mmCIF file of all heavy atoms, coordinates in Angstrom:
data_MODEL
# 
_entry.id   MODEL 
# 
loop_
_atom_site.group_PDB 
_atom_site.id 
_atom_site.type_symbol 
_atom_site.label_atom_id 
_atom_site.label_alt_id 
_atom_site.label_comp_id 
_atom_site.label_asym_id 
_atom_site.label_entity_id 
_atom_site.label_seq_id 
_atom_site.pdbx_PDB_ins_code 
_atom_site.Cartn_x 
_atom_site.Cartn_y 
_atom_site.Cartn_z 
_atom_site.occupancy 
_atom_site.B_iso_or_equiv 
_atom_site.pdbx_formal_charge 
_atom_site.auth_seq_id 
_atom_site.auth_comp_id 
_atom_site.auth_asym_id 
_atom_site.auth_atom_id 
_atom_site.pdbx_PDB_model_num 
ATOM 1   N N   . ASP A 1 1  ? 28.052 21.873 0.614   1.00 0.00 ? 1  ASP A N   1 
ATOM 2   C CA  . ASP A 1 1  ? 28.035 20.617 -0.147  1.00 0.00 ? 1  ASP A CA  1 
ATOM 3   C C   . ASP A 1 1  ? 26.840 20.508 -1.101  1.00 0.00 ? 1  ASP A C   1 
ATOM 4   O O   . ASP A 1 1  ? 26.612 19.464 -1.702  1.00 0.00 ? 1  ASP A O   1 
ATOM 5   C CB  . ASP A 1 1  ? 28.070 19.408 0.786   1.00 0.00 ? 1  ASP A CB  1 
ATOM 6   C CG  . ASP A 1 1  ? 26.808 19.267 1.624   1.00 0.00 ? 1  ASP A CG  1 
ATOM 7   O OD1 . ASP A 1 1  ? 26.056 20.255 1.773   1.00 0.00 ? 1  ASP A OD1 1 
ATOM 8   O OD2 . ASP A 1 1  ? 26.583 18.161 2.149   1.00 0.00 ? 1  ASP A OD2 1 
ATOM 9   N N   . ASP A 1 2  ? 26.099 21.588 -1.276  1.00 0.00 ? 2  ASP A N   1 
ATOM 10  C CA  . ASP A 1 2  ? 24.941 21.574 -2.175  1.00 0.00 ? 2  ASP A CA  1 
ATOM 11  C C   . ASP A 1 2  ? 25.436 21.357 -3.605  1.00 0.00 ? 2  ASP A C   1 
ATOM 12  O O   . ASP A 1 2  ? 26.206 22.160 -4.136  1.00 0.00 ? 2  ASP A O   1 
ATOM 13  C CB  . ASP A 1 2  ? 24.188 22.906 -2.068  1.00 0.00 ? 2  ASP A CB  1 
ATOM 14  C CG  . ASP A 1 2  ? 22.856 22.899 -2.779  1.00 0.00 ? 2  ASP A CG  1 
ATOM 15  O OD1 . ASP A 1 2  ? 22.789 22.442 -3.938  1.00 0.00 ? 2  ASP A OD1 1 
ATOM 16  O OD2 . ASP A 1 2  ? 21.880 23.365 -2.185  1.00 0.00 ? 2  ASP A OD2 1 
ATOM 17  N N   . GLN A 1 3  ? 24.994 20.281 -4.238  1.00 0.00 ? 3  GLN A N   1 
ATOM 18  C CA  . GLN A 1 3  ? 25.485 19.965 -5.580  1.00 0.00 ? 3  GLN A CA  1 
ATOM 19  C C   . GLN A 1 3  ? 24.923 20.869 -6.667  1.00 0.00 ? 3  GLN A C   1 
ATOM 20  O O   . GLN A 1 3  ? 25.405 20.861 -7.797  1.00 0.00 ? 3  GLN A O   1 
ATOM 21  C CB  . GLN A 1 3  ? 25.239 18.498 -5.918  1.00 0.00 ? 3  GLN A CB  1 
ATOM 22  C CG  . GLN A 1 3  ? 23.797 18.084 -5.950  1.00 0.00 ? 3  GLN A CG  1 
ATOM 23  C CD  . GLN A 1 3  ? 23.637 16.593 -6.182  1.00 0.00 ? 3  GLN A CD  1 
ATOM 24  O OE1 . GLN A 1 3  ? 24.599 15.866 -6.360  1.00 0.00 ? 3  GLN A OE1 1 
ATOM 25  N NE2 . GLN A 1 3  ? 22.404 16.133 -6.189  1.00 0.00 ? 3  GLN A NE2 1 
ATOM 26  N N   . TYR A 1 4  ? 23.923 21.674 -6.346  1.00 0.00 ? 4  TYR A N   1 
ATOM 27  C CA  . TYR A 1 4  ? 23.321 22.585 -7.320  1.00 0.00 ? 4  TYR A CA  1 
ATOM 28  C C   . TYR A 1 4  ? 23.618 24.047 -6.984  1.00 0.00 ? 4  TYR A C   1 
ATOM 29  O O   . TYR A 1 4  ? 22.871 24.950 -7.344  1.00 0.00 ? 4  TYR A O   1 
ATOM 30  C CB  . TYR A 1 4  ? 21.811 22.349 -7.406  1.00 0.00 ? 4  TYR A CB  1 
ATOM 31  C CG  . TYR A 1 4  ? 21.487 20.910 -7.710  1.00 0.00 ? 4  TYR A CG  1 
ATOM 32  C CD1 . TYR A 1 4  ? 20.895 20.084 -6.747  1.00 0.00 ? 4  TYR A CD1 1 
ATOM 33  C CD2 . TYR A 1 4  ? 21.798 20.354 -8.942  1.00 0.00 ? 4  TYR A CD2 1 
ATOM 34  C CE1 . TYR A 1 4  ? 20.620 18.752 -7.024  1.00 0.00 ? 4  TYR A CE1 1 
ATOM 35  C CE2 . TYR A 1 4  ? 21.522 19.017 -9.224  1.00 0.00 ? 4  TYR A CE2 1 
ATOM 36  C CZ  . TYR A 1 4  ? 20.931 18.226 -8.258  1.00 0.00 ? 4  TYR A CZ  1 
ATOM 37  O OH  . TYR A 1 4  ? 20.664 16.914 -8.524  1.00 0.00 ? 4  TYR A OH  1 
ATOM 38  N N   . ILE A 1 5  ? 24.714 24.283 -6.313  1.00 0.00 ? 5  ILE A N   1 
ATOM 39  C CA  . ILE A 1 5  ? 25.046 25.613 -5.805  1.00 0.00 ? 5  ILE A CA  1 
ATOM 40  C C   . ILE A 1 5  ? 25.128 26.654 -6.927  1.00 0.00 ? 5  ILE A C   1 
ATOM 41  O O   . ILE A 1 5  ? 24.662 27.783 -6.766  1.00 0.00 ? 5  ILE A O   1 
ATOM 42  C CB  . ILE A 1 5  ? 26.338 25.553 -4.957  1.00 0.00 ? 5  ILE A CB  1 
ATOM 43  C CG1 . ILE A 1 5  ? 26.393 26.719 -3.982  1.00 0.00 ? 5  ILE A CG1 1 
ATOM 44  C CG2 . ILE A 1 5  ? 27.583 25.471 -5.800  1.00 0.00 ? 5  ILE A CG2 1 
ATOM 45  C CD1 . ILE A 1 5  ? 27.418 26.521 -2.868  1.00 0.00 ? 5  ILE A CD1 1 
ATOM 46  N N   . ASP A 1 6  ? 25.702 26.293 -8.066  1.00 0.00 ? 6  ASP A N   1 
ATOM 47  C CA  . ASP A 1 6  ? 25.833 27.253 -9.167  1.00 0.00 ? 6  ASP A CA  1 
ATOM 48  C C   . ASP A 1 6  ? 24.471 27.645 -9.739  1.00 0.00 ? 6  ASP A C   1 
ATOM 49  O O   . ASP A 1 6  ? 24.210 28.826 -9.995  1.00 0.00 ? 6  ASP A O   1 
ATOM 50  C CB  . ASP A 1 6  ? 26.741 26.702 -10.269 1.00 0.00 ? 6  ASP A CB  1 
ATOM 51  C CG  . ASP A 1 6  ? 28.188 26.581 -9.811  1.00 0.00 ? 6  ASP A CG  1 
ATOM 52  O OD1 . ASP A 1 6  ? 28.605 27.356 -8.917  1.00 0.00 ? 6  ASP A OD1 1 
ATOM 53  O OD2 . ASP A 1 6  ? 28.904 25.705 -10.331 1.00 0.00 ? 6  ASP A OD2 1 
ATOM 54  N N   . ALA A 1 7  ? 23.592 26.669 -9.930  1.00 0.00 ? 7  ALA A N   1 
ATOM 55  C CA  . ALA A 1 7  ? 22.248 26.955 -10.448 1.00 0.00 ? 7  ALA A CA  1 
ATOM 56  C C   . ALA A 1 7  ? 21.473 27.817 -9.451  1.00 0.00 ? 7  ALA A C   1 
ATOM 57  O O   . ALA A 1 7  ? 20.749 28.739 -9.846  1.00 0.00 ? 7  ALA A O   1 
ATOM 58  C CB  . ALA A 1 7  ? 21.498 25.654 -10.723 1.00 0.00 ? 7  ALA A CB  1 
ATOM 59  N N   . LYS A 1 8  ? 21.625 27.545 -8.169  1.00 0.00 ? 8  LYS A N   1 
ATOM 60  C CA  . LYS A 1 8  ? 20.918 28.322 -7.148  1.00 0.00 ? 8  LYS A CA  1 
ATOM 61  C C   . LYS A 1 8  ? 21.462 29.746 -7.058  1.00 0.00 ? 8  LYS A C   1 
ATOM 62  O O   . LYS A 1 8  ? 20.700 30.693 -6.891  1.00 0.00 ? 8  LYS A O   1 
ATOM 63  C CB  . LYS A 1 8  ? 20.989 27.612 -5.795  1.00 0.00 ? 8  LYS A CB  1 
ATOM 64  C CG  . LYS A 1 8  ? 20.174 26.332 -5.791  1.00 0.00 ? 8  LYS A CG  1 
ATOM 65  C CD  . LYS A 1 8  ? 20.271 25.574 -4.493  1.00 0.00 ? 8  LYS A CD  1 
ATOM 66  C CE  . LYS A 1 8  ? 19.430 24.305 -4.561  1.00 0.00 ? 8  LYS A CE  1 
ATOM 67  N NZ  . LYS A 1 8  ? 19.459 23.553 -3.291  1.00 0.00 ? 8  LYS A NZ  1 
ATOM 68  N N   . ARG A 1 9  ? 22.768 29.887 -7.217  1.00 0.00 ? 9  ARG A N   1 
ATOM 69  C CA  . ARG A 1 9  ? 23.375 31.225 -7.217  1.00 0.00 ? 9  ARG A CA  1 
ATOM 70  C C   . ARG A 1 9  ? 22.833 32.038 -8.402  1.00 0.00 ? 9  ARG A C   1 
ATOM 71  O O   . ARG A 1 9  ? 22.453 33.197 -8.243  1.00 0.00 ? 9  ARG A O   1 
ATOM 72  C CB  . ARG A 1 9  ? 24.893 31.129 -7.300  1.00 0.00 ? 9  ARG A CB  1 
ATOM 73  C CG  . ARG A 1 9  ? 25.591 32.470 -7.260  1.00 0.00 ? 9  ARG A CG  1 
ATOM 74  C CD  . ARG A 1 9  ? 27.091 32.411 -7.523  1.00 0.00 ? 9  ARG A CD  1 
ATOM 75  N NE  . ARG A 1 9  ? 27.744 31.203 -7.089  1.00 0.00 ? 9  ARG A NE  1 
ATOM 76  C CZ  . ARG A 1 9  ? 28.280 30.996 -5.882  1.00 0.00 ? 9  ARG A CZ  1 
ATOM 77  N NH1 . ARG A 1 9  ? 28.219 31.940 -4.979  1.00 0.00 ? 9  ARG A NH1 1 
ATOM 78  N NH2 . ARG A 1 9  ? 28.867 29.859 -5.583  1.00 0.00 ? 9  ARG A NH2 1 
ATOM 79  N N   . ARG A 1 10 ? 22.777 31.426 -9.592  1.00 0.00 ? 10 ARG A N   1 
ATOM 80  C CA  . ARG A 1 10 ? 22.239 32.122 -10.774 1.00 0.00 ? 10 ARG A CA  1 
ATOM 81  C C   . ARG A 1 10 ? 20.766 32.503 -10.569 1.00 0.00 ? 10 ARG A C   1 
ATOM 82  O O   . ARG A 1 10 ? 20.346 33.605 -10.912 1.00 0.00 ? 10 ARG A O   1 
ATOM 83  C CB  . ARG A 1 10 ? 22.387 31.252 -12.025 1.00 0.00 ? 10 ARG A CB  1 
ATOM 84  C CG  . ARG A 1 10 ? 23.791 31.243 -12.605 1.00 0.00 ? 10 ARG A CG  1 
ATOM 85  C CD  . ARG A 1 10 ? 23.853 30.580 -13.960 1.00 0.00 ? 10 ARG A CD  1 
ATOM 86  N NE  . ARG A 1 10 ? 23.346 29.215 -13.969 1.00 0.00 ? 10 ARG A NE  1 
ATOM 87  C CZ  . ARG A 1 10 ? 24.052 28.132 -13.647 1.00 0.00 ? 10 ARG A CZ  1 
ATOM 88  N NH1 . ARG A 1 10 ? 25.326 28.254 -13.277 1.00 0.00 ? 10 ARG A NH1 1 
ATOM 89  N NH2 . ARG A 1 10 ? 23.512 26.934 -13.692 1.00 0.00 ? 10 ARG A NH2 1 
ATOM 90  N N   . PHE A 1 11 ? 19.988 31.576 -9.998  1.00 0.00 ? 11 PHE A N   1 
ATOM 91  C CA  . PHE A 1 11 ? 18.579 31.851 -9.708  1.00 0.00 ? 11 PHE A CA  1 
ATOM 92  C C   . PHE A 1 11 ? 18.459 33.090 -8.820  1.00 0.00 ? 11 PHE A C   1 
ATOM 93  O O   . PHE A 1 11 ? 17.644 33.977 -9.074  1.00 0.00 ? 11 PHE A O   1 
ATOM 94  C CB  . PHE A 1 11 ? 17.950 30.625 -9.032  1.00 0.00 ? 11 PHE A CB  1 
ATOM 95  C CG  . PHE A 1 11 ? 16.585 30.853 -8.478  1.00 0.00 ? 11 PHE A CG  1 
ATOM 96  C CD1 . PHE A 1 11 ? 15.470 30.833 -9.305  1.00 0.00 ? 11 PHE A CD1 1 
ATOM 97  C CD2 . PHE A 1 11 ? 16.388 31.091 -7.121  1.00 0.00 ? 11 PHE A CD2 1 
ATOM 98  C CE1 . PHE A 1 11 ? 14.192 31.052 -8.802  1.00 0.00 ? 11 PHE A CE1 1 
ATOM 99  C CE2 . PHE A 1 11 ? 15.125 31.302 -6.601  1.00 0.00 ? 11 PHE A CE2 1 
ATOM 100 C CZ  . PHE A 1 11 ? 14.026 31.284 -7.450  1.00 0.00 ? 11 PHE A CZ  1 
ATOM 101 N N   . CYS A 1 12 ? 19.273 33.157 -7.782  1.00 0.00 ? 12 CYS A N   1 
ATOM 102 C CA  . CYS A 1 12 ? 19.238 34.301 -6.865  1.00 0.00 ? 12 CYS A CA  1 
ATOM 103 C C   . CYS A 1 12 ? 19.628 35.595 -7.572  1.00 0.00 ? 12 CYS A C   1 
ATOM 104 O O   . CYS A 1 12 ? 18.999 36.633 -7.358  1.00 0.00 ? 12 CYS A O   1 
ATOM 105 C CB  . CYS A 1 12 ? 20.145 34.045 -5.669  1.00 0.00 ? 12 CYS A CB  1 
ATOM 106 S SG  . CYS A 1 12 ? 19.463 32.835 -4.520  1.00 0.00 ? 12 CYS A SG  1 
ATOM 107 N N   . GLU A 1 13 ? 20.656 35.537 -8.398  1.00 0.00 ? 13 GLU A N   1 
ATOM 108 C CA  . GLU A 1 13 ? 21.074 36.724 -9.148  1.00 0.00 ? 13 GLU A CA  1 
ATOM 109 C C   . GLU A 1 13 ? 19.943 37.215 -10.050 1.00 0.00 ? 13 GLU A C   1 
ATOM 110 O O   . GLU A 1 13 ? 19.693 38.417 -10.133 1.00 0.00 ? 13 GLU A O   1 
ATOM 111 C CB  . GLU A 1 13 ? 22.321 36.411 -9.978  1.00 0.00 ? 13 GLU A CB  1 
ATOM 112 C CG  . GLU A 1 13 ? 23.569 36.243 -9.145  1.00 0.00 ? 13 GLU A CG  1 
ATOM 113 C CD  . GLU A 1 13 ? 24.751 35.674 -9.928  1.00 0.00 ? 13 GLU A CD  1 
ATOM 114 O OE1 . GLU A 1 13 ? 24.605 35.365 -11.137 1.00 0.00 ? 13 GLU A OE1 1 
ATOM 115 O OE2 . GLU A 1 13 ? 25.835 35.536 -9.318  1.00 0.00 ? 13 GLU A OE2 1 
ATOM 116 N N   . GLU A 1 14 ? 19.256 36.284 -10.711 1.00 0.00 ? 14 GLU A N   1 
ATOM 117 C CA  . GLU A 1 14 ? 18.161 36.636 -11.614 1.00 0.00 ? 14 GLU A CA  1 
ATOM 118 C C   . GLU A 1 14 ? 16.980 37.279 -10.883 1.00 0.00 ? 14 GLU A C   1 
ATOM 119 O O   . GLU A 1 14 ? 16.245 38.070 -11.466 1.00 0.00 ? 14 GLU A O   1 
ATOM 120 C CB  . GLU A 1 14 ? 17.659 35.389 -12.357 1.00 0.00 ? 14 GLU A CB  1 
ATOM 121 C CG  . GLU A 1 14 ? 18.629 34.819 -13.350 1.00 0.00 ? 14 GLU A CG  1 
ATOM 122 C CD  . GLU A 1 14 ? 18.209 33.444 -13.861 1.00 0.00 ? 14 GLU A CD  1 
ATOM 123 O OE1 . GLU A 1 14 ? 17.078 32.981 -13.545 1.00 0.00 ? 14 GLU A OE1 1 
ATOM 124 O OE2 . GLU A 1 14 ? 19.024 32.822 -14.562 1.00 0.00 ? 14 GLU A OE2 1 
ATOM 125 N N   . HIS A 1 15 ? 16.786 36.914 -9.623  1.00 0.00 ? 15 HIS A N   1 
ATOM 126 C CA  . HIS A 1 15 ? 15.596 37.352 -8.892  1.00 0.00 ? 15 HIS A CA  1 
ATOM 127 C C   . HIS A 1 15 ? 15.892 38.301 -7.732  1.00 0.00 ? 15 HIS A C   1 
ATOM 128 O O   . HIS A 1 15 ? 14.998 38.602 -6.929  1.00 0.00 ? 15 HIS A O   1 
ATOM 129 C CB  . HIS A 1 15 ? 14.809 36.129 -8.405  1.00 0.00 ? 15 HIS A CB  1 
ATOM 130 C CG  . HIS A 1 15 ? 14.298 35.295 -9.537  1.00 0.00 ? 15 HIS A CG  1 
ATOM 131 N ND1 . HIS A 1 15 ? 13.207 35.668 -10.293 1.00 0.00 ? 15 HIS A ND1 1 
ATOM 132 C CD2 . HIS A 1 15 ? 14.764 34.149 -10.087 1.00 0.00 ? 15 HIS A CD2 1 
ATOM 133 C CE1 . HIS A 1 15 ? 13.001 34.767 -11.242 1.00 0.00 ? 15 HIS A CE1 1 
ATOM 134 N NE2 . HIS A 1 15 ? 13.936 33.844 -11.143 1.00 0.00 ? 15 HIS A NE2 1 
ATOM 135 N N   . GLY A 1 16 ? 17.125 38.776 -7.636  1.00 0.00 ? 16 GLY A N   1 
ATOM 136 C CA  . GLY A 1 16 ? 17.466 39.750 -6.605  1.00 0.00 ? 16 GLY A CA  1 
ATOM 137 C C   . GLY A 1 16 ? 17.385 39.209 -5.191  1.00 0.00 ? 16 GLY A C   1 
ATOM 138 O O   . GLY A 1 16 ? 17.040 39.938 -4.263  1.00 0.00 ? 16 GLY A O   1 
ATOM 139 N N   . ILE A 1 17 ? 17.723 37.945 -5.023  1.00 0.00 ? 17 ILE A N   1 
ATOM 140 C CA  . ILE A 1 17 ? 17.698 37.301 -3.709  1.00 0.00 ? 17 ILE A CA  1 
ATOM 141 C C   . ILE A 1 17 ? 19.144 37.152 -3.224  1.00 0.00 ? 17 ILE A C   1 
ATOM 142 O O   . ILE A 1 17 ? 20.011 36.713 -3.988  1.00 0.00 ? 17 ILE A O   1 
ATOM 143 C CB  . ILE A 1 17 ? 17.026 35.907 -3.794  1.00 0.00 ? 17 ILE A CB  1 
ATOM 144 C CG1 . ILE A 1 17 ? 15.579 36.048 -4.298  1.00 0.00 ? 17 ILE A CG1 1 
ATOM 145 C CG2 . ILE A 1 17 ? 17.074 35.200 -2.444  1.00 0.00 ? 17 ILE A CG2 1 
ATOM 146 C CD1 . ILE A 1 17 ? 14.930 34.724 -4.680  1.00 0.00 ? 17 ILE A CD1 1 
ATOM 147 N N   . GLU A 1 18 ? 19.390 37.517 -1.981  1.00 0.00 ? 18 GLU A N   1 
ATOM 148 C CA  . GLU A 1 18 ? 20.730 37.326 -1.421  1.00 0.00 ? 18 GLU A CA  1 
ATOM 149 C C   . GLU A 1 18 ? 21.019 35.834 -1.324  1.00 0.00 ? 18 GLU A C   1 
ATOM 150 O O   . GLU A 1 18 ? 20.184 35.060 -0.852  1.00 0.00 ? 18 GLU A O   1 
ATOM 151 C CB  . GLU A 1 18 ? 20.808 37.976 -0.036  1.00 0.00 ? 18 GLU A CB  1 
ATOM 152 C CG  . GLU A 1 18 ? 22.168 37.860 0.614   1.00 0.00 ? 18 GLU A CG  1 
ATOM 153 C CD  . GLU A 1 18 ? 22.211 38.453 2.014   1.00 0.00 ? 18 GLU A CD  1 
ATOM 154 O OE1 . GLU A 1 18 ? 21.215 39.071 2.453   1.00 0.00 ? 18 GLU A OE1 1 
ATOM 155 O OE2 . GLU A 1 18 ? 23.251 38.272 2.672   1.00 0.00 ? 18 GLU A OE2 1 
ATOM 156 N N   . PHE A 1 19 ? 22.199 35.431 -1.730  1.00 0.00 ? 19 PHE A N   1 
ATOM 157 C CA  . PHE A 1 19 ? 22.597 34.022 -1.710  1.00 0.00 ? 19 PHE A CA  1 
ATOM 158 C C   . PHE A 1 19 ? 23.644 33.825 -0.632  1.00 0.00 ? 19 PHE A C   1 
ATOM 159 O O   . PHE A 1 19 ? 24.689 34.471 -0.648  1.00 0.00 ? 19 PHE A O   1 
ATOM 160 C CB  . PHE A 1 19 ? 23.158 33.637 -3.078  1.00 0.00 ? 19 PHE A CB  1 
ATOM 161 C CG  . PHE A 1 19 ? 23.481 32.191 -3.234  1.00 0.00 ? 19 PHE A CG  1 
ATOM 162 C CD1 . PHE A 1 19 ? 22.470 31.246 -3.272  1.00 0.00 ? 19 PHE A CD1 1 
ATOM 163 C CD2 . PHE A 1 19 ? 24.794 31.770 -3.351  1.00 0.00 ? 19 PHE A CD2 1 
ATOM 164 C CE1 . PHE A 1 19 ? 22.755 29.915 -3.423  1.00 0.00 ? 19 PHE A CE1 1 
ATOM 165 C CE2 . PHE A 1 19 ? 25.097 30.428 -3.504  1.00 0.00 ? 19 PHE A CE2 1 
ATOM 166 C CZ  . PHE A 1 19 ? 24.074 29.496 -3.542  1.00 0.00 ? 19 PHE A CZ  1 
ATOM 167 N N   . VAL A 1 20 ? 23.356 32.967 0.337   1.00 0.00 ? 20 VAL A N   1 
ATOM 168 C CA  . VAL A 1 20 ? 24.270 32.727 1.452   1.00 0.00 ? 20 VAL A CA  1 
ATOM 169 C C   . VAL A 1 20 ? 24.603 31.246 1.516   1.00 0.00 ? 20 VAL A C   1 
ATOM 170 O O   . VAL A 1 20 ? 23.716 30.390 1.490   1.00 0.00 ? 20 VAL A O   1 
ATOM 171 C CB  . VAL A 1 20 ? 23.655 33.186 2.798   1.00 0.00 ? 20 VAL A CB  1 
ATOM 172 C CG1 . VAL A 1 20 ? 24.568 32.838 3.958   1.00 0.00 ? 20 VAL A CG1 1 
ATOM 173 C CG2 . VAL A 1 20 ? 23.367 34.678 2.766   1.00 0.00 ? 20 VAL A CG2 1 
ATOM 174 N N   . VAL A 1 21 ? 25.903 30.971 1.611   1.00 0.00 ? 21 VAL A N   1 
ATOM 175 C CA  . VAL A 1 21 ? 26.379 29.598 1.747   1.00 0.00 ? 21 VAL A CA  1 
ATOM 176 C C   . VAL A 1 21 ? 26.835 29.407 3.183   1.00 0.00 ? 21 VAL A C   1 
ATOM 177 O O   . VAL A 1 21 ? 27.684 30.154 3.679   1.00 0.00 ? 21 VAL A O   1 
ATOM 178 C CB  . VAL A 1 21 ? 27.542 29.309 0.772   1.00 0.00 ? 21 VAL A CB  1 
ATOM 179 C CG1 . VAL A 1 21 ? 28.060 27.890 0.969   1.00 0.00 ? 21 VAL A CG1 1 
ATOM 180 C CG2 . VAL A 1 21 ? 27.094 29.527 -0.666  1.00 0.00 ? 21 VAL A CG2 1 
ATOM 181 N N   . LEU A 1 22 ? 26.264 28.418 3.849   1.00 0.00 ? 22 LEU A N   1 
ATOM 182 C CA  . LEU A 1 22 ? 26.617 28.120 5.237   1.00 0.00 ? 22 LEU A CA  1 
ATOM 183 C C   . LEU A 1 22 ? 27.603 26.966 5.261   1.00 0.00 ? 22 LEU A C   1 
ATOM 184 O O   . LEU A 1 22 ? 27.376 25.936 4.625   1.00 0.00 ? 22 LEU A O   1 
ATOM 185 C CB  . LEU A 1 22 ? 25.362 27.752 6.031   1.00 0.00 ? 22 LEU A CB  1 
ATOM 186 C CG  . LEU A 1 22 ? 24.311 28.846 6.147   1.00 0.00 ? 22 LEU A CG  1 
ATOM 187 C CD1 . LEU A 1 22 ? 23.031 28.296 6.775   1.00 0.00 ? 22 LEU A CD1 1 
ATOM 188 C CD2 . LEU A 1 22 ? 24.839 30.011 6.951   1.00 0.00 ? 22 LEU A CD2 1 
ATOM 189 N N   . GLU A 1 23 ? 28.691 27.164 5.986   1.00 0.00 ? 23 GLU A N   1 
ATOM 190 C CA  . GLU A 1 23 ? 29.656 26.090 6.172   1.00 0.00 ? 23 GLU A CA  1 
ATOM 191 C C   . GLU A 1 23 ? 28.975 24.948 6.916   1.00 0.00 ? 23 GLU A C   1 
ATOM 192 O O   . GLU A 1 23 ? 28.202 25.182 7.843   1.00 0.00 ? 23 GLU A O   1 
ATOM 193 C CB  . GLU A 1 23 ? 30.861 26.571 6.985   1.00 0.00 ? 23 GLU A CB  1 
ATOM 194 C CG  . GLU A 1 23 ? 31.809 27.446 6.222   1.00 0.00 ? 23 GLU A CG  1 
ATOM 195 C CD  . GLU A 1 23 ? 32.578 26.722 5.138   1.00 0.00 ? 23 GLU A CD  1 
ATOM 196 O OE1 . GLU A 1 23 ? 32.840 25.509 5.271   1.00 0.00 ? 23 GLU A OE1 1 
ATOM 197 O OE2 . GLU A 1 23 ? 32.907 27.373 4.146   1.00 0.00 ? 23 GLU A OE2 1 
ATOM 198 N N   . LYS A 1 24 ? 29.282 23.753 6.527   1.00 0.00 ? 24 LYS A N   1 
ATOM 199 C CA  . LYS A 1 24 ? 28.681 22.587 7.152   1.00 0.00 ? 24 LYS A CA  1 
ATOM 200 C C   . LYS A 1 24 ? 29.684 21.976 8.121   1.00 0.00 ? 24 LYS A C   1 
ATOM 201 O O   . LYS A 1 24 ? 30.841 21.796 7.779   1.00 0.00 ? 24 LYS A O   1 
ATOM 202 C CB  . LYS A 1 24 ? 28.309 21.579 6.069   1.00 0.00 ? 24 LYS A CB  1 
ATOM 203 C CG  . LYS A 1 24 ? 27.362 20.538 6.509   1.00 0.00 ? 24 LYS A CG  1 
ATOM 204 C CD  . LYS A 1 24 ? 26.839 19.783 5.317   1.00 0.00 ? 24 LYS A CD  1 
ATOM 205 C CE  . LYS A 1 24 ? 25.786 18.812 5.749   1.00 0.00 ? 24 LYS A CE  1 
ATOM 206 N NZ  . LYS A 1 24 ? 25.286 18.046 4.620   1.00 0.00 ? 24 LYS A NZ  1 
ATOM 207 N N   . SER A 1 25 ? 29.224 21.679 9.329   1.00 0.00 ? 25 SER A N   1 
ATOM 208 C CA  . SER A 1 25 ? 30.093 21.026 10.302  1.00 0.00 ? 25 SER A CA  1 
ATOM 209 C C   . SER A 1 25 ? 29.615 19.597 10.500  1.00 0.00 ? 25 SER A C   1 
ATOM 210 O O   . SER A 1 25 ? 28.463 19.270 10.236  1.00 0.00 ? 25 SER A O   1 
ATOM 211 C CB  . SER A 1 25 ? 30.089 21.797 11.625  1.00 0.00 ? 25 SER A CB  1 
ATOM 212 O OG  . SER A 1 25 ? 28.791 21.846 12.158  1.00 0.00 ? 25 SER A OG  1 
ATOM 213 N N   . LEU A 1 26 ? 30.515 18.778 10.953  1.00 0.00 ? 26 LEU A N   1 
ATOM 214 C CA  . LEU A 1 26 ? 30.163 17.382 11.193  1.00 0.00 ? 26 LEU A CA  1 
ATOM 215 C C   . LEU A 1 26 ? 29.242 17.283 12.400  1.00 0.00 ? 26 LEU A C   1 
ATOM 216 O O   . LEU A 1 26 ? 29.459 17.962 13.403  1.00 0.00 ? 26 LEU A O   1 
ATOM 217 C CB  . LEU A 1 26 ? 31.428 16.553 11.435  1.00 0.00 ? 26 LEU A CB  1 
ATOM 218 C CG  . LEU A 1 26 ? 32.406 16.507 10.263  1.00 0.00 ? 26 LEU A CG  1 
ATOM 219 C CD1 . LEU A 1 26 ? 33.676 15.772 10.676  1.00 0.00 ? 26 LEU A CD1 1 
ATOM 220 C CD2 . LEU A 1 26 ? 31.766 15.837 9.062   1.00 0.00 ? 26 LEU A CD2 1 
ATOM 221 N N   . PRO A 1 27 ? 28.226 16.436 12.336  1.00 0.00 ? 27 PRO A N   1 
ATOM 222 C CA  . PRO A 1 27 ? 27.279 16.322 13.455  1.00 0.00 ? 27 PRO A CA  1 
ATOM 223 C C   . PRO A 1 27 ? 27.932 16.000 14.784  1.00 0.00 ? 27 PRO A C   1 
ATOM 224 O O   . PRO A 1 27 ? 27.519 16.478 15.806  1.00 0.00 ? 27 PRO A O   1 
ATOM 225 C CB  . PRO A 1 27 ? 26.343 15.192 13.017  1.00 0.00 ? 27 PRO A CB  1 
ATOM 226 C CG  . PRO A 1 27 ? 26.430 15.199 11.535  1.00 0.00 ? 27 PRO A CG  1 
ATOM 227 C CD  . PRO A 1 27 ? 27.834 15.628 11.209  1.00 0.00 ? 27 PRO A CD  1 
# 
C-alpha cells in the first residue's frame, strides 16, 4: 500500500538496491 512505490522502485534501480514489496495483512 506504499503510495510512492514507483519512485522507490526507480530509486532502487538507480542505486543497485534490491526492492522487495511485502504483502500487508490486516492486524
